[in-house]
Amino acid sequence: MGAVPVSQCGGLFVAAVLSRGDRLPSLTGFRFLLAGVVLAGHVLTLGRFYEDQDIYEAADVSAMASAAAVSSFFLLSGFVLAWNASPADTAIRFWRRRVVKIFPNHLVTWTLMLGLLMATGTLASLPVPDPGWGEAVRNLLLVHAWIPDMADFSSVNPVTWSISCEAFFYFLFPLLIRPVRAVPARLIWPVIALVAGLVVAMPAVATAVTDEADPGSWSPLSTERWWLIYFCPPVRLLEFVLGLVLARAVQLGRWPALRPRWPLLALTGVFAARQELPEEYVWGAATCLPVAALIPAIATRDIQGRGSLLGRRGPVLLGEASFALYMVHFPVLYAIRAMLDRRTFDTVTATALAVAVSVLCVAVSLLLWRGVEVPMMRRFARPGGRSVPSARPAPDGQAAPLRQQDPAP
């Protein structure tokens, strides 16, 4: 069967999807690309390996890229969970799978990072406040992103603030997916526009309700404003919901035949305009819409059987380990920074060191994924309540639920 246009819906669209399998491997490879962006940004800006301080002029772009990657994770999480959702599943089964997916890796990296902090003290070059037991426990329980204080949302393993947000999304998912499934085809684009508009409006709302940064502050944003824009779980929920409705649009066959190059071109334009953007929009809102268009564009290439380089075996394998990479890279970077005792190096040596650290992080993540995540998922995350995909259209023209790899940042 030849490639079927995504604009077609109903039984023909569902049959076209099923004829090519029920997985979207390019989105798994995309997960590794996103984790790699975060890794590269942190190695550059937090590793501080370079003597030449001019190198850190790239920090603005790398911070924006990392923020775009995190926004992409939230969108991708919603998209894949909606793509995977089965009406036969239950909330308890879903929550069990989510806990087994995220908590073992979190417990291992939390323990490792807390041990490093106790052994070395807080390093001035890395943004990890010396945690009290209250902050450490809140981090362990993944409720720390709810508190607008850097001592909490940057505590222990600082990247876990996004997992705190994801835990909130997972808690709400069984309630959210029902109204998303009920959205008829004729209303899907108004709903997408509404949610996307709320995402873009939130930095302006945060600006209106929070104070400016104090004169001479290290950050152009006050802690309260930064938290509300970037760390606050209910605000970031909007990106997750946008991912849900985008998946619904693809399932209904209402996503246009958009090549990935066009969202990528728009994303490039946003980065080129970095110096013109208000700081409030740098932390995800400016890049959210191009990425929101990119994810369905990548997915539809797999649906149509065209695939991409991201869907090949190597990127998919690394994508499966991307959550482990996201969780473990900061402890590895912290340990190396502590061993080097804040030393800096010439450009060639520092670049070689940055590459070596990045490769080491990937290697450790593969060990964590294979040694902890995979066995725990096999033992405790038994599939439950998933219906067998059928080529018969679901009610209201909805595509039959299709399986895809477990999402997590």
Protein backbone atom coordinates (compact mmCIF):
# COMPACT_ATOMS: atom_id res chain seq x y z
CA MET A 1 0.00 0.00 0.00
CA GLY A 2 1.34 3.45 -0.87
CA ALA A 3 1.59 6.34 1.58
CA VAL A 4 -1.84 7.63 2.59
CA PRO A 5 -2.27 11.38 3.15
CA VAL A 6 -2.66 12.25 6.80
CA SER A 7 -5.56 14.52 5.92
CA GLN A 8 -7.67 11.41 5.35
CA CYS A 9 -9.42 10.09 8.43
CA GLY A 10 -11.72 7.30 9.47
CA GLY A 11 -11.17 3.65 8.53
CA LEU A 12 -8.78 4.39 5.65
CA PHE A 13 -6.48 6.43 7.91
CA VAL A 14 -6.53 3.84 10.71
CA ALA A 15 -5.85 1.00 8.28
CA ALA A 16 -2.90 2.95 6.84
CA VAL A 17 -1.43 3.38 10.30
CA LEU A 18 -1.88 -0.26 11.22
CA SER A 19 -0.38 -1.47 7.96
CA ARG A 20 2.90 0.09 9.06
CA GLY A 21 2.88 -1.05 12.68
CA ASP A 22 1.79 0.66 15.85
CA ARG A 23 5.00 2.40 16.86
CA LEU A 24 6.44 5.80 16.14
CA PRO A 25 10.18 5.11 16.36
CA SER A 26 11.22 8.57 15.19
CA LEU A 27 9.67 10.11 18.30
CA THR A 28 11.80 7.79 20.44
CA GLY A 29 14.92 8.92 18.60
CA PHE A 30 13.71 12.50 19.02
CA ARG A 31 13.72 11.97 22.79
CA PHE A 32 17.46 11.30 22.68
CA LEU A 33 18.01 14.43 20.62
CA LEU A 34 16.17 16.47 23.27
CA ALA A 35 18.09 14.87 26.14
CA GLY A 36 21.32 15.53 24.23
CA VAL A 37 20.48 19.22 23.93
CA VAL A 38 19.98 19.44 27.71
CA LEU A 39 23.20 17.50 28.30
CA ALA A 40 25.24 19.73 25.97
CA GLY A 41 23.84 22.89 27.54
CA HIS A 42 24.64 21.74 31.05
CA VAL A 43 28.13 20.53 30.17
CA LEU A 44 28.86 23.94 28.65
CA THR A 45 27.25 26.26 31.16
CA LEU A 46 27.61 24.28 34.38
CA GLY A 47 30.81 22.35 33.71
CA ARG A 48 32.75 25.63 33.39
CA PHE A 49 35.73 23.85 31.86
CA TYR A 50 36.90 26.77 29.70
CA GLU A 51 39.49 29.38 30.66
CA ASP A 52 38.23 31.62 27.86
CA GLN A 53 35.19 33.31 29.33
CA ASP A 54 34.08 34.48 25.90
CA ILE A 55 32.97 30.89 25.30
CA TYR A 56 30.15 31.48 27.73
CA GLU A 57 28.64 34.10 25.48
CA ALA A 58 26.96 31.05 23.96
CA ALA A 59 25.29 30.42 27.30
CA ASP A 60 22.21 32.45 26.36
CA VAL A 61 21.56 30.29 23.31
CA SER A 62 22.30 27.03 25.14
CA ALA A 63 19.97 27.97 28.00
CA MET A 64 17.21 28.77 25.50
CA ALA A 65 17.86 25.48 23.70
CA SER A 66 17.66 23.54 26.96
CA ALA A 67 14.39 25.31 27.82
CA ALA A 68 13.04 24.43 24.37
CA ALA A 69 14.05 20.79 24.91
CA VAL A 70 12.21 20.63 28.24
CA SER A 71 9.12 22.20 26.65
CA SER A 72 9.40 19.57 23.92
CA PHE A 73 9.52 16.82 26.53
CA PHE A 74 6.25 18.06 28.05
CA LEU A 75 4.58 18.24 24.63
CA LEU A 76 5.94 14.84 23.63
CA SER A 77 4.82 13.27 26.89
CA GLY A 78 1.24 14.40 26.30
CA PHE A 79 1.33 13.36 22.64
CA VAL A 80 2.64 9.84 23.28
CA LEU A 81 0.39 9.16 26.26
CA ALA A 82 -2.66 10.20 24.27
CA TRP A 83 -1.47 8.10 21.32
CA ASN A 84 -1.09 5.14 23.67
CA ALA A 85 -4.29 5.57 25.65
CA SER A 86 -6.79 2.73 25.69
CA PRO A 87 -10.36 3.12 26.95
CA ALA A 88 -9.95 -0.29 28.60
CA ASP A 89 -7.10 0.96 30.81
CA THR A 90 -7.72 2.06 34.39
CA ALA A 91 -6.28 4.95 36.37
CA ILE A 92 -4.64 2.57 38.87
CA ARG A 93 -2.89 0.60 36.14
CA PHE A 94 -1.75 3.79 34.45
CA TRP A 95 -0.40 5.30 37.66
CA ARG A 96 1.41 2.06 38.51
CA ARG A 97 3.21 2.09 35.16
CA ARG A 98 4.16 5.74 35.60
CA VAL A 99 5.57 5.19 39.11
CA VAL A 100 7.58 2.18 37.96
CA LYS A 101 8.86 4.16 34.98
CA ILE A 102 10.14 7.21 36.83
CA PHE A 103 10.73 6.40 40.49
CA PRO A 104 13.51 3.74 40.41
CA ASN A 105 15.79 5.97 38.29
CA HIS A 106 14.85 8.92 40.46
CA LEU A 107 15.67 7.04 43.68
CA VAL A 108 19.07 5.92 42.35
CA THR A 109 20.10 9.38 41.13
CA TRP A 110 18.66 11.13 44.22
CA THR A 111 20.74 8.86 46.46
CA LEU A 112 23.85 9.39 44.33
CA MET A 113 23.47 13.16 44.24
CA LEU A 114 22.71 13.45 47.96
CA GLY A 115 25.84 11.41 48.72
CA LEU A 116 27.92 13.68 46.50
CA LEU A 117 26.57 16.79 48.22
CA MET A 118 27.29 15.37 51.65
CA ALA A 119 30.82 14.35 50.58
CA THR A 120 31.84 17.53 48.77
CA GLY A 121 29.60 20.36 49.92
CA THR A 122 27.96 22.67 47.41
CA LEU A 123 30.13 23.70 44.46
CA ALA A 124 29.96 27.39 43.68
CA SER A 125 29.89 26.75 39.93
CA LEU A 126 26.80 24.54 40.05
CA PRO A 127 23.31 25.72 41.07
CA VAL A 128 22.62 23.21 43.81
CA PRO A 129 21.69 24.76 47.17
CA ASP A 130 22.96 22.82 50.18
CA PRO A 131 19.71 20.99 50.98
CA GLY A 132 18.22 20.53 54.40
CA TRP A 133 16.33 17.35 55.08
CA GLY A 134 13.05 19.07 54.30
CA GLU A 135 14.19 20.02 50.80
CA ALA A 136 15.71 16.56 50.27
CA VAL A 137 12.50 14.77 51.26
CA ARG A 138 10.34 17.03 49.10
CA ASN A 139 12.68 16.33 46.19
CA LEU A 140 12.46 12.59 46.83
CA LEU A 141 8.65 12.78 46.84
CA LEU A 142 8.69 14.92 43.67
CA VAL A 143 6.66 17.78 45.12
CA HIS A 144 9.48 20.33 45.16
CA ALA A 145 8.55 22.14 41.93
CA TRP A 146 5.45 23.49 43.69
CA ILE A 147 7.52 25.71 45.98
CA PRO A 148 8.76 29.06 44.52
CA ASP A 149 12.14 28.88 46.25
CA MET A 150 15.40 27.85 44.60
CA ALA A 151 16.31 25.93 47.75
CA ASP A 152 13.48 23.57 46.77
CA PHE A 153 13.05 23.52 43.01
CA SER A 154 16.86 23.32 42.50
CA SER A 155 17.52 20.92 45.35
CA VAL A 156 19.51 17.64 45.24
CA ASN A 157 19.31 16.63 41.54
CA PRO A 158 18.12 19.95 40.06
CA VAL A 159 16.76 18.53 36.79
CA THR A 160 14.06 16.65 38.71
CA TRP A 161 11.87 19.76 38.91
CA SER A 162 10.54 18.71 35.49
CA ILE A 163 9.82 15.20 36.81
CA SER A 164 7.86 16.85 39.62
CA CYS A 165 5.79 18.53 36.90
CA GLU A 166 5.42 15.25 35.02
CA ALA A 167 4.18 13.51 38.18
CA PHE A 168 1.41 16.11 38.34
CA PHE A 169 0.58 15.54 34.68
CA TYR A 170 0.42 11.78 35.20
CA PHE A 171 -1.89 12.21 38.18
CA LEU A 172 -4.32 14.21 36.04
CA PHE A 173 -3.99 12.21 32.82
CA PRO A 174 -6.85 9.73 33.47
CA LEU A 175 -9.15 12.73 33.97
CA LEU A 176 -7.80 14.75 31.03
CA ILE A 177 -7.85 12.04 28.38
CA ARG A 178 -11.63 11.61 28.52
CA PRO A 179 -12.56 15.14 27.42
CA VAL A 180 -9.72 15.08 24.87
CA ARG A 181 -11.14 11.90 23.35
CA ALA A 182 -14.54 13.57 23.22
CA VAL A 183 -13.34 16.51 21.09
CA PRO A 184 -15.02 16.12 17.67
CA ALA A 185 -13.05 16.62 14.49
CA ARG A 186 -14.72 19.94 13.69
CA LEU A 187 -13.54 21.44 17.01
CA ILE A 188 -10.01 20.07 17.21
CA TRP A 189 -8.32 23.13 15.67
CA PRO A 190 -10.20 25.67 17.84
CA VAL A 191 -9.12 23.64 20.89
CA ILE A 192 -5.50 23.55 19.68
CA ALA A 193 -5.60 27.32 19.12
CA LEU A 194 -7.05 27.90 22.60
CA VAL A 195 -4.43 25.83 24.42
CA ALA A 196 -1.57 27.23 22.32
CA GLY A 197 -2.81 30.76 23.02
CA LEU A 198 -2.76 30.08 26.76
CA VAL A 199 0.82 28.82 26.53
CA VAL A 200 1.92 31.97 24.74
CA ALA A 201 -0.04 34.22 27.12
CA MET A 202 1.38 32.82 30.37
CA PRO A 203 4.66 34.83 30.38
CA ALA A 204 2.63 38.03 30.02
CA VAL A 205 0.38 36.94 32.89
CA ALA A 206 3.43 36.13 35.02
CA THR A 207 4.90 39.55 34.25
CA ALA A 208 1.69 41.22 35.39
CA VAL A 209 1.44 39.37 38.72
CA THR A 210 5.09 39.19 39.85
CA ASP A 211 7.77 41.74 40.70
CA GLU A 212 10.82 42.63 38.63
CA ALA A 213 14.22 41.30 39.64
CA ASP A 214 16.11 43.37 42.18
CA PRO A 215 18.75 45.75 40.77
CA GLY A 216 22.06 43.95 40.41
CA SER A 217 20.46 40.52 40.63
CA TRP A 218 22.30 37.61 39.01
CA SER A 219 19.19 36.85 36.97
CA PRO A 220 17.14 39.15 34.71
CA LEU A 221 14.02 37.54 36.21
CA SER A 222 12.98 37.55 39.83
CA THR A 223 12.81 34.10 41.42
CA GLU A 224 9.02 34.32 41.68
CA ARG A 225 8.60 35.25 38.01
CA TRP A 226 11.08 32.61 36.84
CA TRP A 227 9.32 29.96 38.91
CA LEU A 228 5.87 30.91 37.62
CA ILE A 229 6.99 30.89 33.98
CA TYR A 230 9.30 27.89 33.99
CA PHE A 231 8.90 25.62 37.02
CA CYS A 232 5.25 25.90 38.12
CA PRO A 233 3.46 22.57 37.42
CA PRO A 234 -0.01 24.00 36.58
CA VAL A 235 1.56 26.41 34.07
CA ARG A 236 3.61 23.67 32.39
CA LEU A 237 0.48 21.49 32.30
CA LEU A 238 -0.66 23.60 29.33
CA GLU A 239 2.14 22.16 27.16
CA PHE A 240 1.21 18.63 28.22
CA VAL A 241 -2.45 19.28 27.31
CA LEU A 242 -1.35 20.74 23.98
CA GLY A 243 0.47 17.46 23.31
CA LEU A 244 -2.74 15.55 24.10
CA VAL A 245 -4.85 17.51 21.63
CA LEU A 246 -2.16 17.35 18.94
CA ALA A 247 -2.25 13.56 19.17
CA ARG A 248 -6.03 13.72 18.90
CA ALA A 249 -5.69 15.81 15.73
CA VAL A 250 -3.34 13.24 14.18
CA GLN A 251 -5.63 10.36 15.18
CA LEU A 252 -8.57 12.13 13.57
CA GLY A 253 -6.56 12.72 10.42
CA ARG A 254 -6.87 16.48 10.86
CA TRP A 255 -3.15 17.25 10.93
CA PRO A 256 -1.94 18.85 7.66
CA ALA A 257 0.74 17.28 5.48
CA LEU A 258 3.47 19.47 7.01
CA ARG A 259 7.10 18.57 6.43
CA PRO A 260 9.38 18.78 9.50
CA ARG A 261 11.60 21.30 7.71
CA TRP A 262 9.02 24.06 8.13
CA PRO A 263 8.69 23.86 11.94
CA LEU A 264 12.49 23.57 12.10
CA LEU A 265 12.84 26.69 9.98
CA ALA A 266 10.43 28.54 12.29
CA LEU A 267 12.39 27.32 15.32
CA THR A 268 15.63 28.57 13.76
CA GLY A 269 14.00 31.97 13.27
CA VAL A 270 13.02 32.13 16.92
CA PHE A 271 16.61 31.40 17.99
CA ALA A 272 17.91 34.00 15.56
CA ALA A 273 15.64 36.55 17.25
CA ARG A 274 16.89 35.64 20.75
CA GLN A 275 18.25 39.10 21.53
CA GLU A 276 14.95 40.73 20.59
CA LEU A 277 12.79 38.49 22.76
CA PRO A 278 11.60 39.51 26.22
CA GLU A 279 13.41 37.36 28.77
CA GLU A 280 10.08 35.96 29.95
CA TYR A 281 9.57 34.29 26.55
CA VAL A 282 13.02 32.71 26.34
CA TRP A 283 12.06 29.98 28.83
CA GLY A 284 9.86 27.91 26.54
CA ALA A 285 6.95 30.01 25.31
CA ALA A 286 8.77 31.39 22.25
CA THR A 287 9.83 27.95 21.03
CA CYS A 288 6.74 25.99 22.06
CA LEU A 289 4.65 26.53 18.93
CA PRO A 290 7.32 25.49 16.39
CA VAL A 291 8.05 22.38 18.47
CA ALA A 292 4.31 21.73 18.79
CA ALA A 293 4.16 21.61 14.98
CA LEU A 294 7.34 19.53 14.71
CA ILE A 295 6.20 16.58 16.85
CA PRO A 296 3.10 15.67 14.76
CA ALA A 297 5.13 16.28 11.58
CA ILE A 298 7.71 13.70 12.72
CA ALA A 299 4.96 11.29 13.78
CA THR A 300 3.13 11.47 10.47
CA ARG A 301 6.27 10.53 8.56
CA ASP A 302 6.33 7.25 10.50
CA ILE A 303 2.58 6.80 9.94
CA GLN A 304 3.05 7.24 6.22
CA GLY A 305 5.93 4.77 6.20
CA ARG A 306 8.59 7.33 5.29
CA GLY A 307 10.35 7.41 8.65
CA SER A 308 13.50 9.41 9.36
CA LEU A 309 17.07 9.06 10.61
CA LEU A 310 15.69 9.41 14.15
CA GLY A 311 13.79 6.16 13.69
CA ARG A 312 16.85 4.02 13.02
CA ARG A 313 18.10 1.45 15.49
CA GLY A 314 20.85 3.52 17.13
CA PRO A 315 18.81 6.67 17.85
CA VAL A 316 15.87 4.54 19.02
CA LEU A 317 18.07 2.62 21.46
CA LEU A 318 19.52 5.85 22.81
CA GLY A 319 16.01 7.30 22.94
CA GLU A 320 14.86 4.43 25.12
CA ALA A 321 17.64 5.37 27.55
CA SER A 322 16.96 9.11 27.31
CA PHE A 323 15.11 9.32 30.63
CA ALA A 324 18.07 7.67 32.35
CA LEU A 325 20.40 10.15 30.60
CA TYR A 326 18.29 13.08 31.73
CA MET A 327 18.33 11.86 35.33
CA VAL A 328 21.97 10.78 35.66
CA HIS A 329 23.88 13.43 33.72
CA PHE A 330 23.86 16.04 36.47
CA PRO A 331 25.32 13.72 39.18
CA VAL A 332 28.05 12.63 36.74
CA LEU A 333 28.83 16.24 35.82
CA TYR A 334 28.84 17.25 39.49
CA ALA A 335 31.22 14.43 40.43
CA ILE A 336 33.67 15.36 37.66
CA ARG A 337 33.49 19.04 38.52
CA ALA A 338 34.27 18.17 42.15
CA MET A 339 37.23 15.96 41.17
CA LEU A 340 38.67 18.75 39.02
CA ASP A 341 38.40 21.16 41.94
CA ARG A 342 37.02 23.96 39.71
CA ARG A 343 40.04 23.88 37.38
CA THR A 344 39.69 25.40 33.92
CA PHE A 345 41.51 24.54 30.70
CA ASP A 346 42.52 25.90 27.31
CA THR A 347 39.91 25.69 24.57
CA VAL A 348 41.15 22.47 22.95
CA THR A 349 41.54 20.61 26.24
CA ALA A 350 38.23 21.90 27.59
CA THR A 351 36.40 20.86 24.42
CA ALA A 352 37.91 17.37 24.55
CA LEU A 353 36.93 17.14 28.21
CA ALA A 354 33.37 18.27 27.47
CA VAL A 355 33.03 15.62 24.77
CA ALA A 356 34.47 12.94 27.06
CA VAL A 357 32.09 13.92 29.87
CA SER A 358 29.14 13.78 27.48
CA VAL A 359 30.12 10.30 26.25
CA LEU A 360 30.55 9.16 29.85
CA CYS A 361 27.07 10.44 30.73
CA VAL A 362 25.57 8.48 27.83
CA ALA A 363 27.45 5.33 28.86
CA VAL A 364 26.29 5.62 32.48
CA SER A 365 22.73 6.26 31.33
CA LEU A 366 22.75 3.04 29.29
CA LEU A 367 23.86 1.15 32.39
CA LEU A 368 21.13 2.76 34.49
CA TRP A 369 18.50 2.08 31.83
CA ARG A 370 19.52 -1.53 31.32
CA GLY A 371 20.28 -2.32 34.96
CA VAL A 372 17.42 -0.54 36.71
CA GLU A 373 14.72 0.81 34.41
CA VAL A 374 14.25 -2.17 32.09
CA PRO A 375 14.11 -4.85 34.85
CA MET A 376 11.71 -2.76 36.94
CA MET A 377 9.41 -2.15 33.98
CA ARG A 378 9.42 -5.83 33.09
CA ARG A 379 8.73 -6.93 36.65
CA PHE A 380 6.18 -4.38 37.82
CA ALA A 381 4.73 -2.47 34.85
CA ARG A 382 2.72 -5.28 33.36
CA PRO A 383 0.54 -4.05 30.51
CA GLY A 384 -3.00 -3.81 31.67
CA GLY A 385 -6.23 -2.91 30.04
CA ARG A 386 -4.81 -2.25 26.57
CA SER A 387 -7.16 -3.19 23.80
CA VAL A 388 -5.84 -4.84 20.67
CA PRO A 389 -5.71 -2.29 17.84
CA SER A 390 -8.43 -2.78 15.29
CA ALA A 391 -8.72 -1.50 11.77
CA ARG A 392 -12.32 -0.56 12.48
CA PRO A 393 -12.66 3.18 13.26
CA ALA A 394 -13.45 4.03 16.86
CA PRO A 395 -16.59 6.02 17.67
CA ASP A 396 -16.74 9.58 16.40
CA GLY A 397 -14.03 8.87 13.85
CA GLN A 398 -11.31 8.48 16.52
CA ALA A 399 -8.41 6.30 15.51
CA ALA A 400 -8.01 3.08 17.42
CA PRO A 401 -5.52 3.41 20.31
CA LEU A 402 -2.01 2.61 19.19
CA ARG A 403 0.98 1.66 21.27
CA GLN A 404 4.12 3.70 21.50
CA GLN A 405 7.19 3.64 23.74
CA ASP A 406 6.71 4.76 27.33
CA PRO A 407 7.31 8.52 27.44
CA ALA A 408 9.31 10.34 30.07
CA PRO A 409 11.75 13.20 29.89
